[in-house]
């Protein structure tokens, strides 16, 4: 994040007014994934993100047991 946006303390002020904020935040994902094997904080971020994706998918699945969800 600092390589792209400068000091972390200034990051919220730079991101908040952007209309593409979700996309900009998502662009950090590859770097977080690279760090996850050696960094427990990055690993936790990925685990939490995966859990949120699974919960979102489960929320829109039909109640029947025949629901298939594919993740790519």
Protein backbone atom coordinates (compact mmCIF):
# COMPACT_ATOMS: atom_id res chain seq x y z
CA UNK A 1 0.00 0.00 0.00
CA UNK A 2 2.78 2.42 0.86
CA UNK A 3 4.47 1.82 -2.50
CA UNK A 4 1.31 3.00 -4.27
CA UNK A 5 -0.28 5.49 -1.86
CA UNK A 6 2.52 6.67 0.42
CA UNK A 7 2.48 6.61 4.23
CA UNK A 8 -0.17 4.36 5.77
CA UNK A 9 -1.37 7.14 8.06
CA UNK A 10 -2.56 9.03 4.98
CA UNK A 11 -4.20 6.02 3.31
CA UNK A 12 -7.74 6.47 4.71
CA UNK A 13 -7.85 10.08 3.56
CA UNK A 14 -6.73 9.10 0.08
CA UNK A 15 -9.08 6.13 -0.27
CA UNK A 16 -12.26 7.44 1.33
CA UNK A 17 -13.21 10.02 -1.32
CA UNK A 18 -12.54 7.67 -4.26
CA UNK A 19 -15.54 6.27 -6.09
CA UNK A 20 -13.48 3.19 -7.04
CA UNK A 21 -12.54 2.46 -3.41
CA UNK A 22 -13.64 -1.22 -3.46
CA UNK A 23 -11.58 -1.91 -6.57
CA UNK A 24 -8.54 -0.13 -5.16
CA UNK A 25 -8.76 -2.10 -1.92
CA UNK A 26 -9.20 -5.33 -3.89
CA UNK A 27 -6.05 -4.53 -5.83
CA UNK A 28 -4.08 -5.15 -2.63
CA UNK A 29 -5.19 -8.82 -2.60
CA UNK A 30 -2.34 -10.24 -4.71
CA UNK A 31 0.25 -8.65 -2.44
CA UNK A 32 -1.54 -9.91 0.67
CA UNK A 33 -1.63 -13.39 -0.87
CA UNK A 34 2.10 -13.25 -1.60
CA UNK A 35 2.81 -12.35 2.01
CA UNK A 36 0.46 -14.91 3.57
CA UNK A 37 2.94 -17.79 3.66
CA UNK A 38 5.32 -15.83 5.91
CA UNK A 39 3.02 -13.32 7.58
CA UNK A 40 0.32 -14.46 10.03
CA UNK A 41 -1.55 -11.15 9.69
CA UNK A 42 -1.77 -11.54 5.90
CA UNK A 43 -2.84 -15.17 6.36
CA UNK A 44 -5.59 -14.04 8.73
CA UNK A 45 -6.79 -11.46 6.22
CA UNK A 46 -7.06 -14.14 3.52
CA UNK A 47 -8.86 -16.55 5.85
CA UNK A 48 -11.35 -13.87 6.86
CA UNK A 49 -11.94 -12.90 3.23
CA UNK A 50 -12.53 -16.53 2.26
CA UNK A 51 -14.98 -16.91 5.14
CA UNK A 52 -16.89 -13.80 4.02
CA UNK A 53 -17.05 -15.10 0.44
CA UNK A 54 -18.38 -18.46 1.65
CA UNK A 55 -20.96 -16.78 3.90
CA UNK A 56 -22.11 -14.57 1.02
CA UNK A 57 -22.47 -17.57 -1.28
CA UNK A 58 -24.38 -19.50 1.39
CA UNK A 59 -26.74 -16.56 1.91
CA UNK A 60 -27.96 -16.67 -1.69
CA UNK A 61 -28.11 -20.46 -2.10
CA UNK A 62 -31.52 -22.08 -2.22
CA UNK A 63 -32.51 -24.02 0.88
CA UNK A 64 -32.56 -27.34 -1.00
CA UNK A 65 -29.51 -29.60 -0.71
CA UNK A 66 -29.01 -29.56 -4.48
CA UNK A 67 -27.20 -26.24 -4.55
CA UNK A 68 -23.75 -26.23 -6.14
CA UNK A 69 -21.41 -23.29 -5.68
CA UNK A 70 -18.28 -22.96 -7.81
CA UNK A 71 -15.35 -20.81 -6.77
CA UNK A 72 -12.65 -19.90 -9.23
